Amino acid sequence: MLRQTQRARLAVITSVSLLTIFLSGCAVKETRRLPPSQIPPLLAASLEELLERIEELHDTIRSVNTRVELIPTTGSAYSGVIEEYHDVRAFILAQRAVDAADNRTHIRVIGQAPVVRKNIFDMVADAKWFRIYIPSKNKFVVGETELERRSEKPIENLRPQHLVEALFVAPPQAGSLHLLEENEIGDTRYYVVSELVAGAPDQLAWQRKWWFRRSNLALARVQRFGPEGQLVADIHYDVWTQHGKLRYPHWLLLVRPQEDYRLELRVEKLELNETIAAEKFVLEKPAGAELVELGKPAAEPPQTQP
């Protein structure tokens, strides 16, 4: 009996020794040290400093003149249908009012087909009306900017004002509650500034979230929410490039979950804060084109100039 106990103890000791030797090898743990140049810094900023960054991004950019590659994708895993389109070269002119009391913003977008570079659409918009001319269908579409009529074809839900929201960063709303948190996605850490406004009685609702990379404090993402908490716009920014004293992203991704489309913008050429002639934002209906009035306005909207 004693010999059996000794044998059992010896077996346990042997097993533990073998396990220790096994674990001390490289089979379970491997240490890899990155050089200091590959370790991203974690910059610190206060809520007030980040709010000032948002204000600066809004105040310093007054007009955008750019040539981009548009890559639209419609549908999602939730709709069951995903359609991808060929790249579209687009010329975008956008200008917002300098006077804070004047919220008029004008935009014009001309899209060209790949290879042949033939115009496939021309659209303008201001704070009240949008106009779109589609040469291939010889249609001239007119509607109110705030029209929320949803089309069964997601690409038809694209509106010029959606691009305006992506091109010009909205400032924090005065009188709102702003909170700061830290978040992490993958290996990237972010500061997230949340903006809450009064919703239902005795309730607060999210209105916006601004995401900043902690490695360089660059704006990476802006989310806007509806009154019921639905995600209205999700805009991603990257490749921030210096233009004189200004910085502007050369890659943007506009996601509109409610309209079921995504639009990627790759900036090829960019001019900031140049004076844009008012007639550049005028688009007249070509003779013979079919007029399509979305929302059935009482009369064809007058042209407005910035």
C-alpha atoms as a PDB file:
ATOM      1  CA  MET A   1       0.000   0.000   0.000  1.00  0.00           C
ATOM      2  CA  LEU A   2       2.819   2.363   0.852  1.00  0.00           C
ATOM      3  CA  ARG A   3       4.541   1.610  -2.420  1.00  0.00           C
ATOM      4  CA  GLN A   4       1.333   2.412  -4.366  1.00  0.00           C
ATOM      5  CA  THR A   5       1.060   5.777  -2.576  1.00  0.00           C
ATOM      6  CA  GLN A   6       4.658   6.588  -3.372  1.00  0.00           C
ATOM      7  CA  ARG A   7       4.114   5.622  -6.984  1.00  0.00           C
ATOM      8  CA  ALA A   8       1.048   7.915  -7.171  1.00  0.00           C
ATOM      9  CA  ARG A   9       2.984  10.831  -5.681  1.00  0.00           C
ATOM     10  CA  LEU A  10       5.834  10.227  -8.102  1.00  0.00           C
ATOM     11  CA  ALA A  11       3.408  10.233 -11.030  1.00  0.00           C
ATOM     12  CA  VAL A  12       1.905  13.550  -9.905  1.00  0.00           C
ATOM     13  CA  ILE A  13       5.333  15.149  -9.454  1.00  0.00           C
ATOM     14  CA  THR A  14       6.409  13.908 -12.866  1.00  0.00           C
ATOM     15  CA  SER A  15       3.266  15.269 -14.525  1.00  0.00           C
ATOM     16  CA  VAL A  16       3.679  18.667 -12.872  1.00  0.00           C
ATOM     17  CA  SER A  17       7.331  18.819 -13.904  1.00  0.00           C
ATOM     18  CA  LEU A  18       6.512  17.962 -17.512  1.00  0.00           C
ATOM     19  CA  LEU A  19       3.695  20.572 -17.566  1.00  0.00           C
ATOM     20  CA  THR A  20       6.065  23.211 -16.184  1.00  0.00           C
ATOM     21  CA  ILE A  21       8.666  22.427 -18.829  1.00  0.00           C
ATOM     22  CA  PHE A  22       5.980  22.540 -21.550  1.00  0.00           C
ATOM     23  CA  LEU A  23       4.567  25.898 -20.422  1.00  0.00           C
ATOM     24  CA  SER A  24       8.006  27.443 -20.114  1.00  0.00           C
ATOM     25  CA  GLY A  25       8.577  26.809 -23.814  1.00  0.00           C
ATOM     26  CA  CYS A  26       7.245  28.812 -26.724  1.00  0.00           C
ATOM     27  CA  ALA A  27       4.169  26.651 -27.313  1.00  0.00           C
ATOM     28  CA  VAL A  28       1.833  28.823 -25.192  1.00  0.00           C
ATOM     29  CA  LYS A  29       3.379  32.274 -24.825  1.00  0.00           C
ATOM     30  CA  GLU A  30       5.396  34.293 -27.253  1.00  0.00           C
ATOM     31  CA  THR A  31       6.621  37.796 -26.466  1.00  0.00           C
ATOM     32  CA  ARG A  32       7.128  40.234 -29.311  1.00  0.00           C
ATOM     33  CA  ARG A  33       8.326  43.751 -28.555  1.00  0.00           C
ATOM     34  CA  LEU A  34       7.517  46.545 -30.991  1.00  0.00           C
ATOM     35  CA  PRO A  35      10.054  49.272 -31.691  1.00  0.00           C
ATOM     36  CA  PRO A  36       9.126  52.655 -30.197  1.00  0.00           C
ATOM     37  CA  SER A  37       8.404  54.055 -33.671  1.00  0.00           C
ATOM     38  CA  GLN A  38       5.538  51.579 -34.106  1.00  0.00           C
ATOM     39  CA  ILE A  39       3.878  52.275 -30.752  1.00  0.00           C
ATOM     40  CA  PRO A  40       1.085  54.835 -31.318  1.00  0.00           C
ATOM     41  CA  PRO A  41       0.999  57.614 -28.742  1.00  0.00           C
ATOM     42  CA  LEU A  42      -2.074  58.277 -26.663  1.00  0.00           C
ATOM     43  CA  LEU A  43      -2.575  62.022 -26.671  1.00  0.00           C
ATOM     44  CA  ALA A  44      -4.696  63.592 -23.960  1.00  0.00           C
ATOM     45  CA  ALA A  45      -7.357  66.256 -24.413  1.00  0.00           C
ATOM     46  CA  SER A  46     -10.142  67.682 -22.302  1.00  0.00           C
ATOM     47  CA  LEU A  47     -13.788  68.013 -23.312  1.00  0.00           C
ATOM     48  CA  GLU A  48     -13.338  71.773 -23.751  1.00  0.00           C
ATOM     49  CA  GLU A  49     -10.315  71.281 -26.029  1.00  0.00           C
ATOM     50  CA  LEU A  50     -12.173  68.800 -28.241  1.00  0.00           C
ATOM     51  CA  LEU A  51     -15.198  71.083 -28.484  1.00  0.00           C
ATOM     52  CA  GLU A  52     -12.841  73.849 -29.599  1.00  0.00           C
ATOM     53  CA  ARG A  53     -11.449  71.525 -32.290  1.00  0.00           C
ATOM     54  CA  ILE A  54     -14.960  70.934 -33.618  1.00  0.00           C
ATOM     55  CA  GLU A  55     -15.670  74.663 -33.642  1.00  0.00           C
ATOM     56  CA  GLU A  56     -12.407  75.300 -35.496  1.00  0.00           C
ATOM     57  CA  LEU A  57     -13.204  72.681 -38.165  1.00  0.00           C
ATOM     58  CA  HIS A  58     -16.545  74.379 -38.733  1.00  0.00           C
ATOM     59  CA  ASP A  59     -15.337  77.982 -38.670  1.00  0.00           C
ATOM     60  CA  THR A  60     -12.264  77.624 -40.899  1.00  0.00           C
ATOM     61  CA  ILE A  61     -13.845  75.820 -43.869  1.00  0.00           C
ATOM     62  CA  ARG A  62     -16.201  78.099 -45.831  1.00  0.00           C
ATOM     63  CA  SER A  63     -16.081  76.645 -49.349  1.00  0.00           C
ATOM     64  CA  VAL A  64     -14.944  73.451 -51.048  1.00  0.00           C
ATOM     65  CA  ASN A  65     -14.015  73.000 -54.711  1.00  0.00           C
ATOM     66  CA  THR A  66     -13.005  69.422 -55.311  1.00  0.00           C
ATOM     67  CA  ARG A  67     -12.752  66.608 -57.828  1.00  0.00           C
ATOM     68  CA  VAL A  68     -13.447  63.234 -56.303  1.00  0.00           C
ATOM     69  CA  GLU A  69     -14.085  59.616 -57.141  1.00  0.00           C
ATOM     70  CA  LEU A  70     -17.528  58.626 -55.870  1.00  0.00           C
ATOM     71  CA  ILE A  71     -18.052  54.979 -55.019  1.00  0.00           C
ATOM     72  CA  PRO A  72     -21.709  54.408 -54.118  1.00  0.00           C
ATOM     73  CA  THR A  73     -23.013  51.200 -52.608  1.00  0.00           C
ATOM     74  CA  THR A  74     -26.668  50.577 -51.916  1.00  0.00           C
ATOM     75  CA  GLY A  75     -28.410  47.976 -49.829  1.00  0.00           C
ATOM     76  CA  SER A  76     -27.158  46.271 -46.705  1.00  0.00           C
ATOM     77  CA  ALA A  77     -27.222  42.988 -44.865  1.00  0.00           C
ATOM     78  CA  TYR A  78     -30.470  44.154 -43.282  1.00  0.00           C
ATOM     79  CA  SER A  79     -32.244  44.760 -46.585  1.00  0.00           C
ATOM     80  CA  GLY A  80     -30.979  41.540 -48.137  1.00  0.00           C
ATOM     81  CA  VAL A  81     -29.739  43.274 -51.299  1.00  0.00           C
ATOM     82  CA  ILE A  82     -26.344  44.891 -51.805  1.00  0.00           C
ATOM     83  CA  GLU A  83     -25.518  46.601 -55.101  1.00  0.00           C
ATOM     84  CA  GLU A  84     -22.123  48.021 -55.999  1.00  0.00           C
ATOM     85  CA  TYR A  85     -21.658  50.683 -58.669  1.00  0.00           C
ATOM     86  CA  HIS A  86     -18.656  51.628 -60.775  1.00  0.00           C
ATOM     87  CA  ASP A  87     -16.637  54.606 -59.698  1.00  0.00           C
ATOM     88  CA  VAL A  88     -18.079  57.966 -60.707  1.00  0.00           C
ATOM     89  CA  ARG A  89     -15.902  61.015 -61.195  1.00  0.00           C
ATOM     90  CA  ALA A  90     -17.600  64.011 -59.629  1.00  0.00           C
ATOM     91  CA  PHE A  91     -16.935  67.733 -59.453  1.00  0.00           C
ATOM     92  CA  ILE A  92     -18.250  69.297 -56.244  1.00  0.00           C
ATOM     93  CA  LEU A  93     -18.698  72.967 -55.454  1.00  0.00           C
ATOM     94  CA  ALA A  94     -19.989  73.754 -51.976  1.00  0.00           C
ATOM     95  CA  GLN A  95     -20.206  77.026 -50.117  1.00  0.00           C
ATOM     96  CA  ARG A  96     -21.720  77.901 -46.785  1.00  0.00           C
ATOM     97  CA  ALA A  97     -22.682  81.372 -45.617  1.00  0.00           C
ATOM     98  CA  VAL A  98     -20.003  83.191 -43.624  1.00  0.00           C
ATOM     99  CA  ASP A  99     -22.579  85.086 -41.564  1.00  0.00           C
ATOM    100  CA  ALA A 100     -23.655  82.928 -38.634  1.00  0.00           C
ATOM    101  CA  ALA A 101     -27.186  84.349 -38.880  1.00  0.00           C
ATOM    102  CA  ASP A 102     -27.470  83.102 -42.478  1.00  0.00           C
ATOM    103  CA  ASN A 103     -27.663  79.309 -42.669  1.00  0.00           C
ATOM    104  CA  ARG A 104     -27.911  79.097 -46.461  1.00  0.00           C
ATOM    105  CA  THR A 105     -25.509  76.586 -47.956  1.00  0.00           C
ATOM    106  CA  HIS A 106     -25.186  75.973 -51.695  1.00  0.00           C
ATOM    107  CA  ILE A 107     -23.814  72.897 -53.408  1.00  0.00           C
ATOM    108  CA  ARG A 108     -23.458  71.671 -56.972  1.00  0.00           C
ATOM    109  CA  VAL A 109     -22.374  68.180 -57.978  1.00  0.00           C
ATOM    110  CA  ILE A 110     -21.704  67.018 -61.540  1.00  0.00           C
ATOM    111  CA  GLY A 111     -21.193  63.274 -61.947  1.00  0.00           C
ATOM    112  CA  GLN A 112     -19.481  61.668 -64.937  1.00  0.00           C
ATOM    113  CA  ALA A 113     -19.496  58.060 -66.102  1.00  0.00           C
ATOM    114  CA  PRO A 114     -16.222  56.122 -65.990  1.00  0.00           C
ATOM    115  CA  VAL A 115     -13.954  56.013 -69.048  1.00  0.00           C
ATOM    116  CA  VAL A 116     -16.121  58.137 -71.385  1.00  0.00           C
ATOM    117  CA  ARG A 117     -16.532  60.888 -68.758  1.00  0.00           C
ATOM    118  CA  LYS A 118     -20.008  61.772 -69.952  1.00  0.00           C
ATOM    119  CA  ASN A 119     -22.281  63.640 -67.533  1.00  0.00           C
ATOM    120  CA  ILE A 120     -24.737  61.271 -65.867  1.00  0.00           C
ATOM    121  CA  PHE A 121     -26.220  63.791 -63.433  1.00  0.00           C
ATOM    122  CA  ASP A 122     -26.043  67.452 -62.496  1.00  0.00           C
ATOM    123  CA  MET A 123     -27.565  68.598 -59.219  1.00  0.00           C
ATOM    124  CA  VAL A 124     -27.717  71.756 -57.143  1.00  0.00           C
ATOM    125  CA  ALA A 125     -29.262  72.508 -53.777  1.00  0.00           C
ATOM    126  CA  ASP A 126     -29.684  75.290 -51.275  1.00  0.00           C
ATOM    127  CA  ALA A 127     -31.371  75.405 -47.889  1.00  0.00           C
ATOM    128  CA  LYS A 128     -34.847  75.035 -49.424  1.00  0.00           C
ATOM    129  CA  TRP A 129     -34.778  73.372 -52.871  1.00  0.00           C
ATOM    130  CA  PHE A 130     -32.778  70.789 -54.783  1.00  0.00           C
ATOM    131  CA  ARG A 131     -32.709  70.306 -58.568  1.00  0.00           C
ATOM    132  CA  ILE A 132     -31.296  67.319 -60.419  1.00  0.00           C
ATOM    133  CA  TYR A 133     -30.914  66.887 -64.181  1.00  0.00           C
ATOM    134  CA  ILE A 134     -30.438  63.328 -65.490  1.00  0.00           C
ATOM    135  CA  PRO A 135     -29.468  63.504 -69.196  1.00  0.00           C
ATOM    136  CA  SER A 136     -29.884  59.782 -69.890  1.00  0.00           C
ATOM    137  CA  LYS A 137     -33.557  59.974 -68.841  1.00  0.00           C
ATOM    138  CA  ASN A 138     -34.023  63.600 -69.919  1.00  0.00           C
ATOM    139  CA  LYS A 139     -35.604  64.280 -66.525  1.00  0.00           C
ATOM    140  CA  PHE A 140     -35.352  67.393 -64.386  1.00  0.00           C
ATOM    141  CA  VAL A 141     -36.196  66.571 -60.774  1.00  0.00           C
ATOM    142  CA  VAL A 142     -37.231  69.292 -58.318  1.00  0.00           C
ATOM    143  CA  GLY A 143     -37.992  68.876 -54.629  1.00  0.00           C
ATOM    144  CA  GLU A 144     -37.732  70.422 -51.208  1.00  0.00           C
ATOM    145  CA  THR A 145     -34.403  69.951 -49.484  1.00  0.00           C
ATOM    146  CA  GLU A 146     -36.024  68.578 -46.340  1.00  0.00           C
ATOM    147  CA  LEU A 147     -38.160  66.110 -48.315  1.00  0.00           C
ATOM    148  CA  GLU A 148     -37.980  62.699 -46.628  1.00  0.00           C
ATOM    149  CA  ARG A 149     -39.856  60.734 -49.259  1.00  0.00           C
ATOM    150  CA  ARG A 150     -38.046  57.387 -49.454  1.00  0.00           C
ATOM    151  CA  SER A 151     -37.557  55.638 -52.779  1.00  0.00           C
ATOM    152  CA  GLU A 152     -37.530  51.864 -53.183  1.00  0.00           C
ATOM    153  CA  LYS A 153     -34.287  52.310 -55.147  1.00  0.00           C
ATOM    154  CA  PRO A 154     -31.704  53.328 -52.529  1.00  0.00           C
ATOM    155  CA  ILE A 155     -29.487  55.260 -54.959  1.00  0.00           C
ATOM    156  CA  GLU A 156     -32.439  57.587 -55.658  1.00  0.00           C
ATOM    157  CA  ASN A 157     -32.375  58.588 -51.980  1.00  0.00           C
ATOM    158  CA  LEU A 158     -29.090  60.448 -52.468  1.00  0.00           C
ATOM    159  CA  ARG A 159     -29.607  64.157 -51.826  1.00  0.00           C
ATOM    160  CA  PRO A 160     -27.146  67.050 -52.255  1.00  0.00           C
ATOM    161  CA  GLN A 161     -27.670  68.089 -48.636  1.00  0.00           C
ATOM    162  CA  HIS A 162     -26.351  64.701 -47.509  1.00  0.00           C
ATOM    163  CA  LEU A 163     -23.033  65.652 -49.088  1.00  0.00           C
ATOM    164  CA  VAL A 164     -23.159  69.087 -47.457  1.00  0.00           C
ATOM    165  CA  GLU A 165     -23.355  67.443 -44.043  1.00  0.00           C
ATOM    166  CA  ALA A 166     -20.258  65.377 -44.844  1.00  0.00           C
ATOM    167  CA  LEU A 167     -18.220  68.213 -46.361  1.00  0.00           C
ATOM    168  CA  PHE A 168     -18.818  70.743 -43.569  1.00  0.00           C
ATOM    169  CA  VAL A 169     -18.465  69.621 -39.960  1.00  0.00           C
ATOM    170  CA  ALA A 170     -21.407  70.851 -37.896  1.00  0.00           C
ATOM    171  CA  PRO A 171     -20.522  72.863 -34.767  1.00  0.00           C
ATOM    172  CA  PRO A 172     -21.677  71.919 -31.259  1.00  0.00           C
ATOM    173  CA  GLN A 173     -25.144  73.187 -30.466  1.00  0.00           C
ATOM    174  CA  ALA A 174     -25.239  75.878 -27.812  1.00  0.00           C
ATOM    175  CA  GLY A 175     -27.159  74.956 -24.699  1.00  0.00           C
ATOM    176  CA  SER A 176     -26.767  71.208 -25.254  1.00  0.00           C
ATOM    177  CA  LEU A 177     -25.206  68.785 -22.812  1.00  0.00           C
ATOM    178  CA  HIS A 178     -21.796  67.513 -23.902  1.00  0.00           C
ATOM    179  CA  LEU A 179     -20.078  64.469 -22.418  1.00  0.00           C
ATOM    180  CA  LEU A 180     -16.653  62.919 -22.972  1.00  0.00           C
ATOM    181  CA  GLU A 181     -15.838  59.219 -22.939  1.00  0.00           C
ATOM    182  CA  GLU A 182     -13.050  56.943 -24.152  1.00  0.00           C
ATOM    183  CA  ASN A 183     -13.802  54.081 -26.525  1.00  0.00           C
ATOM    184  CA  GLU A 184     -11.806  51.427 -28.331  1.00  0.00           C
ATOM    185  CA  ILE A 185     -12.448  49.619 -31.613  1.00  0.00           C
ATOM    186  CA  GLY A 186      -9.903  47.001 -32.589  1.00  0.00           C
ATOM    187  CA  ASP A 187      -6.487  48.390 -31.700  1.00  0.00           C
ATOM    188  CA  THR A 188      -7.541  52.037 -31.972  1.00  0.00           C
ATOM    189  CA  ARG A 189      -8.581  54.190 -29.037  1.00  0.00           C
ATOM    190  CA  TYR A 190     -10.891  57.153 -29.410  1.00  0.00           C
ATOM    191  CA  TYR A 191     -12.200  60.127 -27.516  1.00  0.00           C
ATOM    192  CA  VAL A 192     -15.952  60.375 -28.102  1.00  0.00           C
ATOM    193  CA  VAL A 193     -17.777  63.666 -27.534  1.00  0.00           C
ATOM    194  CA  SER A 194     -21.534  63.133 -27.194  1.00  0.00           C
ATOM    195  CA  GLU A 195     -24.130  65.867 -27.623  1.00  0.00           C
ATOM    196  CA  LEU A 196     -27.470  65.415 -25.868  1.00  0.00           C
ATOM    197  CA  VAL A 197     -30.535  67.593 -26.328  1.00  0.00           C
ATOM    198  CA  ALA A 198     -33.915  67.739 -24.641  1.00  0.00           C
ATOM    199  CA  GLY A 199     -36.269  65.138 -26.105  1.00  0.00           C
ATOM    200  CA  ALA A 200     -39.440  63.846 -24.508  1.00  0.00           C
ATOM    201  CA  PRO A 201     -40.449  65.476 -21.194  1.00  0.00           C
ATOM    202  CA  ASP A 202     -37.732  64.907 -18.578  1.00  0.00           C
ATOM    203  CA  GLN A 203     -35.627  62.968 -21.092  1.00  0.00           C
ATOM    204  CA  LEU A 204     -32.435  63.572 -23.018  1.00  0.00           C
ATOM    205  CA  ALA A 205     -31.705  62.258 -26.497  1.00  0.00           C
ATOM    206  CA  TRP A 206     -28.447  61.830 -28.383  1.00  0.00           C
ATOM    207  CA  GLN A 207     -28.033  64.262 -31.254  1.00  0.00           C
ATOM    208  CA  ARG A 208     -24.412  63.849 -32.346  1.00  0.00           C
ATOM    209  CA  LYS A 209     -21.216  62.021 -31.547  1.00  0.00           C
ATOM    210  CA  TRP A 210     -17.760  63.160 -32.653  1.00  0.00           C
ATOM    211  CA  TRP A 211     -14.983  60.534 -32.599  1.00  0.00           C
ATOM    212  CA  PHE A 212     -11.318  61.587 -32.312  1.00  0.00           C
ATOM    213  CA  ARG A 213      -8.342  59.230 -32.663  1.00  0.00           C
ATOM    214  CA  ARG A 214      -6.242  59.436 -29.539  1.00  0.00           C
ATOM    215  CA  SER A 215      -3.065  58.855 -31.555  1.00  0.00           C
ATOM    216  CA  ASN A 216      -3.296  62.279 -33.244  1.00  0.00           C
ATOM    217  CA  LEU A 217      -6.609  63.821 -32.054  1.00  0.00           C
ATOM    218  CA  ALA A 218      -7.841  63.916 -35.668  1.00  0.00           C
ATOM    219  CA  LEU A 219     -11.579  63.733 -36.272  1.00  0.00           C
ATOM    220  CA  ALA A 220     -12.395  60.209 -37.449  1.00  0.00           C
ATOM    221  CA  ARG A 221     -16.161  59.955 -37.331  1.00  0.00           C
ATOM    222  CA  VAL A 222     -19.348  61.992 -36.860  1.00  0.00           C
ATOM    223  CA  GLN A 223     -22.688  60.371 -36.070  1.00  0.00           C
ATOM    224  CA  ARG A 224     -26.052  62.113 -36.096  1.00  0.00           C
ATOM    225  CA  PHE A 225     -29.189  60.680 -34.528  1.00  0.00           C
ATOM    226  CA  GLY A 226     -32.894  61.289 -34.998  1.00  0.00           C
ATOM    227  CA  PRO A 227     -35.418  62.129 -32.278  1.00  0.00           C
ATOM    228  CA  GLU A 228     -36.189  58.450 -31.706  1.00  0.00           C
ATOM    229  CA  GLY A 229     -32.530  57.499 -31.406  1.00  0.00           C
ATOM    230  CA  GLN A 230     -32.235  56.193 -34.970  1.00  0.00           C
ATOM    231  CA  LEU A 231     -28.860  56.620 -36.679  1.00  0.00           C
ATOM    232  CA  VAL A 232     -29.444  59.157 -39.461  1.00  0.00           C
ATOM    233  CA  ALA A 233     -25.886  59.777 -40.712  1.00  0.00           C
ATOM    234  CA  ASP A 234     -22.556  58.086 -39.991  1.00  0.00           C
ATOM    235  CA  ILE A 235     -19.641  59.973 -41.580  1.00  0.00           C
ATOM    236  CA  HIS A 236     -16.051  58.689 -41.479  1.00  0.00           C
ATOM    237  CA  TYR A 237     -12.936  60.804 -42.162  1.00  0.00           C
ATOM    238  CA  ASP A 238      -9.325  59.850 -42.865  1.00  0.00           C
ATOM    239  CA  VAL A 239      -6.175  60.936 -44.742  1.00  0.00           C
ATOM    240  CA  TRP A 240      -6.188  64.432 -43.254  1.00  0.00           C
ATOM    241  CA  THR A 241      -3.964  66.565 -45.498  1.00  0.00           C
ATOM    242  CA  GLN A 242      -2.433  69.974 -44.961  1.00  0.00           C
ATOM    243  CA  HIS A 243      -3.537  72.776 -47.319  1.00  0.00           C
ATOM    244  CA  GLY A 244      -1.637  75.845 -46.219  1.00  0.00           C
ATOM    245  CA  LYS A 245      -2.884  76.567 -42.715  1.00  0.00           C
ATOM    246  CA  LEU A 246      -5.926  74.336 -43.185  1.00  0.00           C
ATOM    247  CA  ARG A 247      -6.345  70.607 -42.853  1.00  0.00           C
ATOM    248  CA  TYR A 248      -8.995  68.624 -44.713  1.00  0.00           C
ATOM    249  CA  PRO A 249      -9.700  64.896 -45.131  1.00  0.00           C
ATOM    250  CA  HIS A 250      -8.973  63.302 -48.502  1.00  0.00           C
ATOM    251  CA  TRP A 251     -11.103  60.240 -47.745  1.00  0.00           C
ATOM    252  CA  LEU A 252     -14.714  60.366 -46.619  1.00  0.00           C
ATOM    253  CA  LEU A 253     -17.335  57.681 -46.182  1.00  0.00           C
ATOM    254  CA  LEU A 254     -20.961  58.742 -45.896  1.00  0.00           C
ATOM    255  CA  VAL A 255     -23.311  56.093 -44.506  1.00  0.00           C
ATOM    256  CA  ARG A 256     -27.077  56.743 -44.514  1.00  0.00           C
ATOM    257  CA  PRO A 257     -28.705  53.726 -42.815  1.00  0.00           C
ATOM    258  CA  GLN A 258     -32.276  55.002 -43.172  1.00  0.00           C
ATOM    259  CA  GLU A 259     -31.851  55.558 -46.932  1.00  0.00           C
ATOM    260  CA  ASP A 260     -29.897  52.300 -47.289  1.00  0.00           C
ATOM    261  CA  TYR A 261     -26.839  53.598 -49.142  1.00  0.00           C
ATOM    262  CA  ARG A 262     -23.128  54.318 -48.604  1.00  0.00           C
ATOM    263  CA  LEU A 263     -21.025  56.804 -50.533  1.00  0.00           C
ATOM    264  CA  GLU A 264     -17.230  56.798 -50.504  1.00  0.00           C
ATOM    265  CA  LEU A 265     -15.381  59.942 -51.611  1.00  0.00           C
ATOM    266  CA  ARG A 266     -11.724  59.837 -52.616  1.00  0.00           C
ATOM    267  CA  VAL A 267     -10.414  63.361 -53.086  1.00  0.00           C
ATOM    268  CA  GLU A 268      -8.197  63.844 -56.136  1.00  0.00           C
ATOM    269  CA  LYS A 269      -7.997  67.643 -56.261  1.00  0.00           C
ATOM    270  CA  LEU A 270      -9.033  70.216 -53.675  1.00  0.00           C
ATOM    271  CA  GLU A 271      -9.282  73.980 -53.258  1.00  0.00           C
ATOM    272  CA  LEU A 272     -10.529  75.474 -50.002  1.00  0.00           C
ATOM    273  CA  ASN A 273     -12.107  78.837 -49.201  1.00  0.00           C
ATOM    274  CA  GLU A 274     -11.903  80.244 -52.707  1.00  0.00           C
ATOM    275  CA  THR A 275     -14.623  82.581 -53.955  1.00  0.00           C
ATOM    276  CA  ILE A 276     -17.249  80.733 -55.993  1.00  0.00           C
ATOM    277  CA  ALA A 277     -19.374  82.746 -58.427  1.00  0.00           C
ATOM    278  CA  ALA A 278     -23.092  82.715 -57.660  1.00  0.00           C
ATOM    279  CA  GLU A 279     -24.032  81.527 -61.154  1.00  0.00           C
ATOM    280  CA  LYS A 280     -22.174  78.282 -60.522  1.00  0.00           C
ATOM    281  CA  PHE A 281     -25.072  77.256 -58.287  1.00  0.00           C
ATOM    282  CA  VAL A 282     -27.765  77.946 -60.897  1.00  0.00           C
ATOM    283  CA  LEU A 283     -29.241  74.996 -62.793  1.00  0.00           C
ATOM    284  CA  GLU A 284     -32.017  75.682 -65.304  1.00  0.00           C
ATOM    285  CA  LYS A 285     -34.311  73.040 -66.771  1.00  0.00           C
ATOM    286  CA  PRO A 286     -33.157  72.177 -70.301  1.00  0.00           C
ATOM    287  CA  ALA A 287     -35.713  72.664 -73.063  1.00  0.00           C
ATOM    288  CA  GLY A 288     -37.681  69.488 -73.645  1.00  0.00           C
ATOM    289  CA  ALA A 289     -36.685  67.847 -70.359  1.00  0.00           C
ATOM    290  CA  GLU A 290     -39.467  66.222 -68.329  1.00  0.00           C
ATOM    291  CA  LEU A 291     -40.170  68.047 -65.068  1.00  0.00           C
ATOM    292  CA  VAL A 292     -40.581  65.733 -62.070  1.00  0.00           C
ATOM    293  CA  GLU A 293     -41.808  67.491 -58.933  1.00  0.00           C
ATOM    294  CA  LEU A 294     -41.186  65.526 -55.763  1.00  0.00           C
ATOM    295  CA  GLY A 295     -43.599  66.525 -53.038  1.00  0.00           C
ATOM    296  CA  LYS A 296     -45.601  68.459 -55.664  1.00  0.00           C
ATOM    297  CA  PRO A 297     -44.519  72.047 -54.866  1.00  0.00           C
ATOM    298  CA  ALA A 298     -47.062  74.719 -55.718  1.00  0.00           C
ATOM    299  CA  ALA A 299     -44.785  76.238 -58.336  1.00  0.00           C
ATOM    300  CA  GLU A 300     -41.325  75.751 -59.730  1.00  0.00           C
ATOM    301  CA  PRO A 301     -38.948  77.112 -57.055  1.00  0.00           C
ATOM    302  CA  PRO A 302     -37.152  80.367 -57.758  1.00  0.00           C
ATOM    303  CA  GLN A 303     -33.398  80.373 -58.184  1.00  0.00           C
ATOM    304  CA  THR A 304     -31.535  81.572 -55.105  1.00  0.00           C
ATOM    305  CA  GLN A 305     -28.001  82.850 -55.023  1.00  0.00           C
ATOM    306  CA  PRO A 306     -25.556  82.902 -52.154  1.00  0.00           C
END
